[in-house]
Amino acid sequence: MQLSPQTAAFAFFALLVMGSAQWRRGRIRRAVRDLPTRMQRLLGPEPLFTPPSEGELPEGLRRYAALHHRTRWVQRAIWALAFLWLGYTLYSVLKGTPQ
């Protein structure tokens, strides 16, 4: 069974969304593993390990909080790209133009 161009385009959307989420979880998991146990206990539950708010942030977690913030921006940028791609794909399918 051969994939249609529309199915491949939708699969690319899913790949971007799931791939970026998995990339972020992996980066955060590695960063948490490198933290001391005392600092790990201050983080939120798995899989996101959310750091405390800025006012309650100890000095040892500042680099981790910055990484957490940066990876969130990267993931959101990739999601925006994925949703733009999904919109383009839906537009192409509804318009009836071949891809």
PDB file of N, CA and C in Angstrom:
ATOM      1  N   MET A   1       0.841  -1.176   0.000  1.00  0.00           N
ATOM      2  CA  MET A   1       0.000   0.000   0.000  1.00  0.00           C
ATOM      3  C   MET A   1       0.886   1.239   0.000  1.00  0.00           C
ATOM      4  N   GLN A   2       0.627   2.106  -0.929  1.00  0.00           N
ATOM      5  CA  GLN A   2       1.434   3.307  -1.074  1.00  0.00           C
ATOM      6  C   GLN A   2       0.772   4.462  -0.323  1.00  0.00           C
ATOM      7  N   LEU A   3       1.599   5.282   0.319  1.00  0.00           N
ATOM      8  CA  LEU A   3       1.089   6.445   1.035  1.00  0.00           C
ATOM      9  C   LEU A   3       0.697   7.536   0.045  1.00  0.00           C
ATOM     10  N   SER A   4      -0.439   8.158   0.322  1.00  0.00           N
ATOM     11  CA  SER A   4      -0.822   9.303  -0.503  1.00  0.00           C
ATOM     12  C   SER A   4      -0.024  10.521  -0.026  1.00  0.00           C
ATOM     13  N   PRO A   5       0.107  11.531  -0.854  1.00  0.00           N
ATOM     14  CA  PRO A   5       0.832  12.727  -0.426  1.00  0.00           C
ATOM     15  C   PRO A   5       0.206  13.394   0.803  1.00  0.00           C
ATOM     16  N   GLN A   6      -1.126  13.351   0.896  1.00  0.00           N
ATOM     17  CA  GLN A   6      -1.796  13.948   2.051  1.00  0.00           C
ATOM     18  C   GLN A   6      -1.455  13.194   3.335  1.00  0.00           C
ATOM     19  N   THR A   7      -1.456  11.890   3.273  1.00  0.00           N
ATOM     20  CA  THR A   7      -1.118  11.089   4.445  1.00  0.00           C
ATOM     21  C   THR A   7       0.327  11.336   4.862  1.00  0.00           C
ATOM     22  N   ALA A   8       1.210  11.442   3.904  1.00  0.00           N
ATOM     23  CA  ALA A   8       2.612  11.721   4.224  1.00  0.00           C
ATOM     24  C   ALA A   8       2.762  13.106   4.853  1.00  0.00           C
ATOM     25  N   ALA A   9       1.986  14.073   4.395  1.00  0.00           N
ATOM     26  CA  ALA A   9       2.042  15.421   4.966  1.00  0.00           C
ATOM     27  C   ALA A   9       1.529  15.429   6.401  1.00  0.00           C
ATOM     28  N   PHE A  10       0.444  14.704   6.660  1.00  0.00           N
ATOM     29  CA  PHE A  10      -0.065  14.600   8.025  1.00  0.00           C
ATOM     30  C   PHE A  10       0.923  13.858   8.923  1.00  0.00           C
ATOM     31  N   ALA A  11       1.591  12.860   8.386  1.00  0.00           N
ATOM     32  CA  ALA A  11       2.597  12.122   9.159  1.00  0.00           C
ATOM     33  C   ALA A  11       3.781  13.022   9.507  1.00  0.00           C
ATOM     34  N   PHE A  12       4.139  13.910   8.597  1.00  0.00           N
ATOM     35  CA  PHE A  12       5.226  14.855   8.878  1.00  0.00           C
ATOM     36  C   PHE A  12       4.838  15.797  10.014  1.00  0.00           C
ATOM     37  N   PHE A  13       3.582  16.226  10.060  1.00  0.00           N
ATOM     38  CA  PHE A  13       3.081  17.044  11.165  1.00  0.00           C
ATOM     39  C   PHE A  13       3.231  16.292  12.487  1.00  0.00           C
ATOM     40  N   ALA A  14       2.784  15.048  12.520  1.00  0.00           N
ATOM     41  CA  ALA A  14       2.878  14.248  13.742  1.00  0.00           C
ATOM     42  C   ALA A  14       4.332  14.031  14.139  1.00  0.00           C
ATOM     43  N   LEU A  15       5.196  13.819  13.167  1.00  0.00           N
ATOM     44  CA  LEU A  15       6.621  13.643  13.446  1.00  0.00           C
ATOM     45  C   LEU A  15       7.208  14.879  14.109  1.00  0.00           C
ATOM     46  N   LEU A  16       6.863  16.056  13.610  1.00  0.00           N
ATOM     47  CA  LEU A  16       7.381  17.290  14.205  1.00  0.00           C
ATOM     48  C   LEU A  16       6.895  17.477  15.642  1.00  0.00           C
ATOM     49  N   VAL A  17       5.609  17.266  15.872  1.00  0.00           N
ATOM     50  CA  VAL A  17       5.056  17.478  17.215  1.00  0.00           C
ATOM     51  C   VAL A  17       5.623  16.465  18.200  1.00  0.00           C
ATOM     52  N   MET A  18       5.569  15.191  17.854  1.00  0.00           N
ATOM     53  CA  MET A  18       6.046  14.164  18.787  1.00  0.00           C
ATOM     54  C   MET A  18       7.567  14.200  18.932  1.00  0.00           C
ATOM     55  N   GLY A  19       8.266  14.476  17.862  1.00  0.00           N
ATOM     56  CA  GLY A  19       9.725  14.545  17.933  1.00  0.00           C
ATOM     57  C   GLY A  19      10.215  15.683  18.808  1.00  0.00           C
ATOM     58  N   SER A  20       9.574  16.843  18.703  1.00  0.00           N
ATOM     59  CA  SER A  20       9.997  17.973  19.541  1.00  0.00           C
ATOM     60  C   SER A  20       9.684  17.723  21.006  1.00  0.00           C
ATOM     61  N   ALA A  21       8.547  17.099  21.292  1.00  0.00           N
ATOM     62  CA  ALA A  21       8.211  16.787  22.688  1.00  0.00           C
ATOM     63  C   ALA A  21       9.206  15.780  23.266  1.00  0.00           C
ATOM     64  N   GLN A  22       9.551  14.773  22.491  1.00  0.00           N
ATOM     65  CA  GLN A  22      10.511  13.775  22.964  1.00  0.00           C
ATOM     66  C   GLN A  22      11.898  14.374  23.134  1.00  0.00           C
ATOM     67  N   TRP A  23      12.295  15.269  22.228  1.00  0.00           N
ATOM     68  CA  TRP A  23      13.591  15.933  22.338  1.00  0.00           C
ATOM     69  C   TRP A  23      13.664  16.737  23.634  1.00  0.00           C
ATOM     70  N   ARG A  24      12.586  17.482  23.917  1.00  0.00           N
ATOM     71  CA  ARG A  24      12.579  18.313  25.132  1.00  0.00           C
ATOM     72  C   ARG A  24      12.620  17.438  26.385  1.00  0.00           C
ATOM     73  N   ARG A  25      11.841  16.376  26.409  1.00  0.00           N
ATOM     74  CA  ARG A  25      11.852  15.492  27.581  1.00  0.00           C
ATOM     75  C   ARG A  25      13.232  14.892  27.813  1.00  0.00           C
ATOM     76  N   GLY A  26      13.888  14.519  26.730  1.00  0.00           N
ATOM     77  CA  GLY A  26      15.234  13.949  26.859  1.00  0.00           C
ATOM     78  C   GLY A  26      16.228  14.954  27.414  1.00  0.00           C
ATOM     79  N   ARG A  27      16.193  16.181  26.906  1.00  0.00           N
ATOM     80  CA  ARG A  27      17.108  17.220  27.411  1.00  0.00           C
ATOM     81  C   ARG A  27      16.859  17.496  28.888  1.00  0.00           C
ATOM     82  N   ILE A  28      15.577  17.604  29.255  1.00  0.00           N
ATOM     83  CA  ILE A  28      15.239  17.893  30.653  1.00  0.00           C
ATOM     84  C   ILE A  28      15.626  16.719  31.546  1.00  0.00           C
ATOM     85  N   ARG A  29      15.360  15.511  31.107  1.00  0.00           N
ATOM     86  CA  ARG A  29      15.689  14.327  31.910  1.00  0.00           C
ATOM     87  C   ARG A  29      17.194  14.245  32.167  1.00  0.00           C
ATOM     88  N   ARG A  30      18.008  14.535  31.142  1.00  0.00           N
ATOM     89  CA  ARG A  30      19.463  14.514  31.335  1.00  0.00           C
ATOM     90  C   ARG A  30      19.917  15.616  32.287  1.00  0.00           C
ATOM     91  N   ALA A  31      19.296  16.789  32.186  1.00  0.00           N
ATOM     92  CA  ALA A  31      19.659  17.892  33.080  1.00  0.00           C
ATOM     93  C   ALA A  31      19.273  17.577  34.518  1.00  0.00           C
ATOM     94  N   VAL A  32      18.124  16.949  34.730  1.00  0.00           N
ATOM     95  CA  VAL A  32      17.693  16.588  36.085  1.00  0.00           C
ATOM     96  C   VAL A  32      18.623  15.534  36.667  1.00  0.00           C
ATOM     97  N   ARG A  33      19.042  14.610  35.852  1.00  0.00           N
ATOM     98  CA  ARG A  33      19.936  13.548  36.324  1.00  0.00           C
ATOM     99  C   ARG A  33      21.256  14.119  36.838  1.00  0.00           C
ATOM    100  N   ASP A  34      21.692  15.248  36.269  1.00  0.00           N
ATOM    101  CA  ASP A  34      22.949  15.858  36.684  1.00  0.00           C
ATOM    102  C   ASP A  34      22.820  16.734  37.927  1.00  0.00           C
ATOM    103  N   LEU A  35      21.589  17.008  38.363  1.00  0.00           N
ATOM    104  CA  LEU A  35      21.391  17.839  39.553  1.00  0.00           C
ATOM    105  C   LEU A  35      21.590  17.031  40.828  1.00  0.00           C
ATOM    106  N   PRO A  36      22.001  17.679  41.907  1.00  0.00           N
ATOM    107  CA  PRO A  36      22.056  16.989  43.199  1.00  0.00           C
ATOM    108  C   PRO A  36      20.649  16.594  43.647  1.00  0.00           C
ATOM    109  N   THR A  37      20.562  15.575  44.480  1.00  0.00           N
ATOM    110  CA  THR A  37      19.268  15.063  44.934  1.00  0.00           C
ATOM    111  C   THR A  37      18.447  16.136  45.623  1.00  0.00           C
ATOM    112  N   ARG A  38      19.080  16.972  46.388  1.00  0.00           N
ATOM    113  CA  ARG A  38      18.375  18.043  47.103  1.00  0.00           C
ATOM    114  C   ARG A  38      17.678  18.984  46.121  1.00  0.00           C
ATOM    115  N   MET A  39      18.334  19.277  45.016  1.00  0.00           N
ATOM    116  CA  MET A  39      17.733  20.156  44.008  1.00  0.00           C
ATOM    117  C   MET A  39      16.647  19.427  43.203  1.00  0.00           C
ATOM    118  N   GLN A  40      16.828  18.139  42.979  1.00  0.00           N
ATOM    119  CA  GLN A  40      15.826  17.359  42.247  1.00  0.00           C
ATOM    120  C   GLN A  40      14.496  17.344  42.981  1.00  0.00           C
ATOM    121  N   ARG A  41      14.551  17.335  44.307  1.00  0.00           N
ATOM    122  CA  ARG A  41      13.324  17.293  45.105  1.00  0.00           C
ATOM    123  C   ARG A  41      12.524  18.584  45.023  1.00  0.00           C
ATOM    124  N   LEU A  42      13.136  19.664  44.578  1.00  0.00           N
ATOM    125  CA  LEU A  42      12.438  20.941  44.454  1.00  0.00           C
ATOM    126  C   LEU A  42      11.659  21.057  43.147  1.00  0.00           C
ATOM    127  N   LEU A  43      11.910  20.140  42.218  1.00  0.00           N
ATOM    128  CA  LEU A  43      11.285  20.205  40.898  1.00  0.00           C
ATOM    129  C   LEU A  43       9.899  19.578  40.916  1.00  0.00           C
ATOM    130  N   GLY A  44       9.114  19.906  39.892  1.00  0.00           N
ATOM    131  CA  GLY A  44       7.777  19.344  39.749  1.00  0.00           C
ATOM    132  C   GLY A  44       7.850  17.881  39.341  1.00  0.00           C
ATOM    133  N   PRO A  45       6.675  17.262  39.128  1.00  0.00           N
ATOM    134  CA  PRO A  45       6.641  15.831  38.799  1.00  0.00           C
ATOM    135  C   PRO A  45       7.163  15.546  37.393  1.00  0.00           C
ATOM    136  N   GLU A  46       7.540  14.312  37.196  1.00  0.00           N
ATOM    137  CA  GLU A  46       7.993  13.835  35.901  1.00  0.00           C
ATOM    138  C   GLU A  46       6.810  13.863  34.946  1.00  0.00           C
ATOM    139  N   PRO A  47       6.874  14.078  33.673  1.00  0.00           N
ATOM    140  CA  PRO A  47       8.037  14.145  32.810  1.00  0.00           C
ATOM    141  C   PRO A  47       8.560  15.565  32.588  1.00  0.00           C
ATOM    142  N   LEU A  48       7.854  16.611  33.078  1.00  0.00           N
ATOM    143  CA  LEU A  48       8.290  17.969  32.773  1.00  0.00           C
ATOM    144  C   LEU A  48       9.268  18.543  33.789  1.00  0.00           C
ATOM    145  N   PHE A  49       9.273  18.048  35.019  1.00  0.00           N
ATOM    146  CA  PHE A  49      10.193  18.534  36.058  1.00  0.00           C
ATOM    147  C   PHE A  49      10.204  20.065  36.107  1.00  0.00           C
ATOM    148  N   THR A  50       9.040  20.662  36.299  1.00  0.00           N
ATOM    149  CA  THR A  50       8.913  22.113  36.297  1.00  0.00           C
ATOM    150  C   THR A  50       9.685  22.726  37.460  1.00  0.00           C
ATOM    151  N   PRO A  51      10.515  23.740  37.190  1.00  0.00           N
ATOM    152  CA  PRO A  51      11.261  24.380  38.282  1.00  0.00           C
ATOM    153  C   PRO A  51      10.348  25.294  39.100  1.00  0.00           C
ATOM    154  N   PRO A  52      10.762  25.632  40.327  1.00  0.00           N
ATOM    155  CA  PRO A  52       9.973  26.570  41.130  1.00  0.00           C
ATOM    156  C   PRO A  52       9.917  27.941  40.454  1.00  0.00           C
ATOM    157  N   SER A  53       9.018  28.803  40.949  1.00  0.00           N
ATOM    158  CA  SER A  53       8.896  30.138  40.370  1.00  0.00           C
ATOM    159  C   SER A  53      10.171  30.935  40.623  1.00  0.00           C
ATOM    160  N   GLU A  54      10.333  32.030  39.891  1.00  0.00           N
ATOM    161  CA  GLU A  54      11.565  32.840  39.962  1.00  0.00           C
ATOM    162  C   GLU A  54      11.882  33.300  41.383  1.00  0.00           C
ATOM    163  N   GLY A  55      10.858  33.666  42.151  1.00  0.00           N
ATOM    164  CA  GLY A  55      11.101  34.157  43.503  1.00  0.00           C
ATOM    165  C   GLY A  55      11.636  33.087  44.442  1.00  0.00           C
ATOM    166  N   GLU A  56      11.257  31.846  44.221  1.00  0.00           N
ATOM    167  CA  GLU A  56      11.663  30.735  45.094  1.00  0.00           C
ATOM    168  C   GLU A  56      12.834  29.942  44.529  1.00  0.00           C
ATOM    169  N   LEU A  57      13.432  30.399  43.471  1.00  0.00           N
ATOM    170  CA  LEU A  57      14.457  29.636  42.769  1.00  0.00           C
ATOM    171  C   LEU A  57      15.798  29.722  43.479  1.00  0.00           C
ATOM    172  N   PRO A  58      16.329  28.589  43.989  1.00  0.00           N
ATOM    173  CA  PRO A  58      17.656  28.619  44.596  1.00  0.00           C
ATOM    174  C   PRO A  58      18.743  28.795  43.539  1.00  0.00           C
ATOM    175  N   GLU A  59      19.902  29.191  43.975  1.00  0.00           N
ATOM    176  CA  GLU A  59      21.019  29.466  43.056  1.00  0.00           C
ATOM    177  C   GLU A  59      21.395  28.234  42.231  1.00  0.00           C
ATOM    178  N   GLY A  60      21.316  27.054  42.819  1.00  0.00           N
ATOM    179  CA  GLY A  60      21.710  25.834  42.115  1.00  0.00           C
ATOM    180  C   GLY A  60      20.787  25.440  40.978  1.00  0.00           C
ATOM    181  N   LEU A  61      19.590  26.019  40.942  1.00  0.00           N
ATOM    182  CA  LEU A  61      18.639  25.658  39.893  1.00  0.00           C
ATOM    183  C   LEU A  61      18.518  26.711  38.799  1.00  0.00           C
ATOM    184  N   ARG A  62      19.288  27.763  38.862  1.00  0.00           N
ATOM    185  CA  ARG A  62      19.150  28.842  37.864  1.00  0.00           C
ATOM    186  C   ARG A  62      19.492  28.353  36.451  1.00  0.00           C
ATOM    187  N   ARG A  63      20.564  27.599  36.305  1.00  0.00           N
ATOM    188  CA  ARG A  63      20.932  27.095  34.972  1.00  0.00           C
ATOM    189  C   ARG A  63      19.883  26.116  34.453  1.00  0.00           C
ATOM    190  N   TYR A  64      19.365  25.275  35.370  1.00  0.00           N
ATOM    191  CA  TYR A  64      18.326  24.333  34.960  1.00  0.00           C
ATOM    192  C   TYR A  64      17.064  25.076  34.519  1.00  0.00           C
ATOM    193  N   ALA A  65      16.674  26.116  35.257  1.00  0.00           N
ATOM    194  CA  ALA A  65      15.485  26.893  34.906  1.00  0.00           C
ATOM    195  C   ALA A  65      15.665  27.565  33.544  1.00  0.00           C
ATOM    196  N   ALA A  66      16.872  28.047  33.269  1.00  0.00           N
ATOM    197  CA  ALA A  66      17.139  28.663  31.967  1.00  0.00           C
ATOM    198  C   ALA A  66      17.028  27.616  30.850  1.00  0.00           C
ATOM    199  N   LEU A  67      17.556  26.420  31.079  1.00  0.00           N
ATOM    200  CA  LEU A  67      17.438  25.343  30.091  1.00  0.00           C
ATOM    201  C   LEU A  67      15.972  24.973  29.883  1.00  0.00           C
ATOM    202  N   HIS A  68      15.232  24.871  30.958  1.00  0.00           N
ATOM    203  CA  HIS A  68      13.811  24.528  30.880  1.00  0.00           C
ATOM    204  C   HIS A  68      13.067  25.567  30.041  1.00  0.00           C
ATOM    205  N   HIS A  69      13.382  26.823  30.245  1.00  0.00           N
ATOM    206  CA  HIS A  69      12.743  27.915  29.501  1.00  0.00           C
ATOM    207  C   HIS A  69      13.143  27.884  28.026  1.00  0.00           C
ATOM    208  N   ARG A  70      14.426  27.686  27.745  1.00  0.00           N
ATOM    209  CA  ARG A  70      14.899  27.639  26.349  1.00  0.00           C
ATOM    210  C   ARG A  70      14.278  26.480  25.579  1.00  0.00           C
ATOM    211  N   THR A  71      14.232  25.309  26.202  1.00  0.00           N
ATOM    212  CA  THR A  71      13.670  24.157  25.488  1.00  0.00           C
ATOM    213  C   THR A  71      12.181  24.340  25.240  1.00  0.00           C
ATOM    214  N   ARG A  72      11.490  25.053  26.134  1.00  0.00           N
ATOM    215  CA  ARG A  72      10.070  25.326  25.910  1.00  0.00           C
ATOM    216  C   ARG A  72       9.896  26.207  24.675  1.00  0.00           C
ATOM    217  N   TRP A  73      10.761  27.212  24.511  1.00  0.00           N
ATOM    218  CA  TRP A  73      10.669  28.078  23.333  1.00  0.00           C
ATOM    219  C   TRP A  73      10.969  27.319  22.049  1.00  0.00           C
ATOM    220  N   VAL A  74      11.968  26.442  22.091  1.00  0.00           N
ATOM    221  CA  VAL A  74      12.294  25.646  20.894  1.00  0.00           C
ATOM    222  C   VAL A  74      11.119  24.744  20.537  1.00  0.00           C
ATOM    223  N   GLN A  75      10.541  24.088  21.546  1.00  0.00           N
ATOM    224  CA  GLN A  75       9.406  23.205  21.284  1.00  0.00           C
ATOM    225  C   GLN A  75       8.223  23.989  20.724  1.00  0.00           C
ATOM    226  N   ARG A  76       7.940  25.131  21.274  1.00  0.00           N
ATOM    227  CA  ARG A  76       6.816  25.934  20.772  1.00  0.00           C
ATOM    228  C   ARG A  76       7.069  26.432  19.346  1.00  0.00           C
ATOM    229  N   ALA A  77       8.302  26.770  19.030  1.00  0.00           N
ATOM    230  CA  ALA A  77       8.621  27.199  17.666  1.00  0.00           C
ATOM    231  C   ALA A  77       8.417  26.050  16.681  1.00  0.00           C
ATOM    232  N   ILE A  78       8.836  24.850  17.063  1.00  0.00           N
ATOM    233  CA  ILE A  78       8.649  23.691  16.191  1.00  0.00           C
ATOM    234  C   ILE A  78       7.162  23.367  16.064  1.00  0.00           C
ATOM    235  N   TRP A  79       6.407  23.495  17.156  1.00  0.00           N
ATOM    236  CA  TRP A  79       4.965  23.265  17.085  1.00  0.00           C
ATOM    237  C   TRP A  79       4.301  24.291  16.174  1.00  0.00           C
ATOM    238  N   ALA A  80       4.726  25.542  16.242  1.00  0.00           N
ATOM    239  CA  ALA A  80       4.165  26.567  15.353  1.00  0.00           C
ATOM    240  C   ALA A  80       4.433  26.210  13.897  1.00  0.00           C
ATOM    241  N   LEU A  81       5.651  25.769  13.613  1.00  0.00           N
ATOM    242  CA  LEU A  81       5.985  25.337  12.261  1.00  0.00           C
ATOM    243  C   LEU A  81       5.115  24.147  11.844  1.00  0.00           C
ATOM    244  N   ALA A  82       4.912  23.206  12.779  1.00  0.00           N
ATOM    245  CA  ALA A  82       4.093  22.029  12.472  1.00  0.00           C
ATOM    246  C   ALA A  82       2.649  22.420  12.191  1.00  0.00           C
ATOM    247  N   PHE A  83       2.103  23.353  12.954  1.00  0.00           N
ATOM    248  CA  PHE A  83       0.724  23.764  12.718  1.00  0.00           C
ATOM    249  C   PHE A  83       0.578  24.582  11.439  1.00  0.00           C
ATOM    250  N   LEU A  84       1.595  25.345  11.095  1.00  0.00           N
ATOM    251  CA  LEU A  84       1.582  26.013   9.793  1.00  0.00           C
ATOM    252  C   LEU A  84       1.576  24.988   8.665  1.00  0.00           C
ATOM    253  N   TRP A  85       2.392  23.946   8.829  1.00  0.00           N
ATOM    254  CA  TRP A  85       2.434  22.877   7.838  1.00  0.00           C
ATOM    255  C   TRP A  85       1.086  22.167   7.752  1.00  0.00           C
ATOM    256  N   LEU A  86       0.458  21.920   8.914  1.00  0.00           N
ATOM    257  CA  LEU A  86      -0.852  21.278   8.925  1.00  0.00           C
ATOM    258  C   LEU A  86      -1.884  22.158   8.224  1.00  0.00           C
ATOM    259  N   GLY A  87      -1.847  23.460   8.487  1.00  0.00           N
ATOM    260  CA  GLY A  87      -2.767  24.381   7.812  1.00  0.00           C
ATOM    261  C   GLY A  87      -2.577  24.374   6.310  1.00  0.00           C
ATOM    262  N   TYR A  88      -1.327  24.382   5.872  1.00  0.00           N
ATOM    263  CA  TYR A  88      -1.036  24.325   4.436  1.00  0.00           C
ATOM    264  C   TYR A  88      -1.551  23.010   3.831  1.00  0.00           C
ATOM    265  N   THR A  89      -1.341  21.923   4.543  1.00  0.00           N
ATOM    266  CA  THR A  89      -1.791  20.615   4.055  1.00  0.00           C
ATOM    267  C   THR A  89      -3.307  20.565   3.951  1.00  0.00           C
ATOM    268  N   LEU A  90      -3.986  21.041   4.994  1.00  0.00           N
ATOM    269  CA  LEU A  90      -5.451  21.047   4.952  1.00  0.00           C
ATOM    270  C   LEU A  90      -5.965  21.943   3.835  1.00  0.00           C
ATOM    271  N   TYR A  91      -5.335  23.084   3.673  1.00  0.00           N
ATOM    272  CA  TYR A  91      -5.717  23.990   2.579  1.00  0.00           C
ATOM    273  C   TYR A  91      -5.551  23.298   1.230  1.00  0.00           C
ATOM    274  N   SER A  92      -4.455  22.619   1.045  1.00  0.00           N
ATOM    275  CA  SER A  92      -4.208  21.914  -0.222  1.00  0.00           C
ATOM    276  C   SER A  92      -5.217  20.800  -0.450  1.00  0.00           C
ATOM    277  N   VAL A  93      -5.552  20.074   0.612  1.00  0.00           N
ATOM    278  CA  VAL A  93      -6.512  18.976   0.472  1.00  0.00           C
ATOM    279  C   VAL A  93      -7.895  19.524   0.154  1.00  0.00           C
ATOM    280  N   LEU A  94      -8.312  20.570   0.874  1.00  0.00           N
ATOM    281  CA  LEU A  94      -9.653  21.116   0.662  1.00  0.00           C
ATOM    282  C   LEU A  94      -9.771  21.847  -0.676  1.00  0.00           C
ATOM    283  N   LYS A  95      -8.678  22.435  -1.114  1.00  0.00           N
ATOM    284  CA  LYS A  95      -8.704  23.125  -2.409  1.00  0.00           C
ATOM    285  C   LYS A  95      -8.692  22.120  -3.562  1.00  0.00           C
ATOM    286  N   GLY A  96      -8.134  20.956  -3.292  1.00  0.00           N
ATOM    287  CA  GLY A  96      -8.116  19.921  -4.317  1.00  0.00           C
ATOM    288  C   GLY A  96      -6.895  19.933  -5.183  1.00  0.00           C
ATOM    289  N   THR A  97      -5.871  20.691  -4.805  1.00  0.00           N
ATOM    290  CA  THR A  97      -4.648  20.709  -5.608  1.00  0.00           C
ATOM    291  C   THR A  97      -3.760  19.538  -5.219  1.00  0.00           C
ATOM    292  N   PRO A  98      -3.195  18.865  -6.164  1.00  0.00           N
ATOM    293  CA  PRO A  98      -2.277  17.772  -5.827  1.00  0.00           C
ATOM    294  C   PRO A  98      -0.976  18.322  -5.250  1.00  0.00           C
ATOM    295  N   GLN A  99      -0.385  17.555  -4.396  1.00  0.00           N
ATOM    296  CA  GLN A  99       0.885  17.977  -3.792  1.00  0.00           C
ATOM    297  C   GLN A  99       2.033  17.339  -4.499  1.00  0.00           C
TER     298      GLN A  99
END
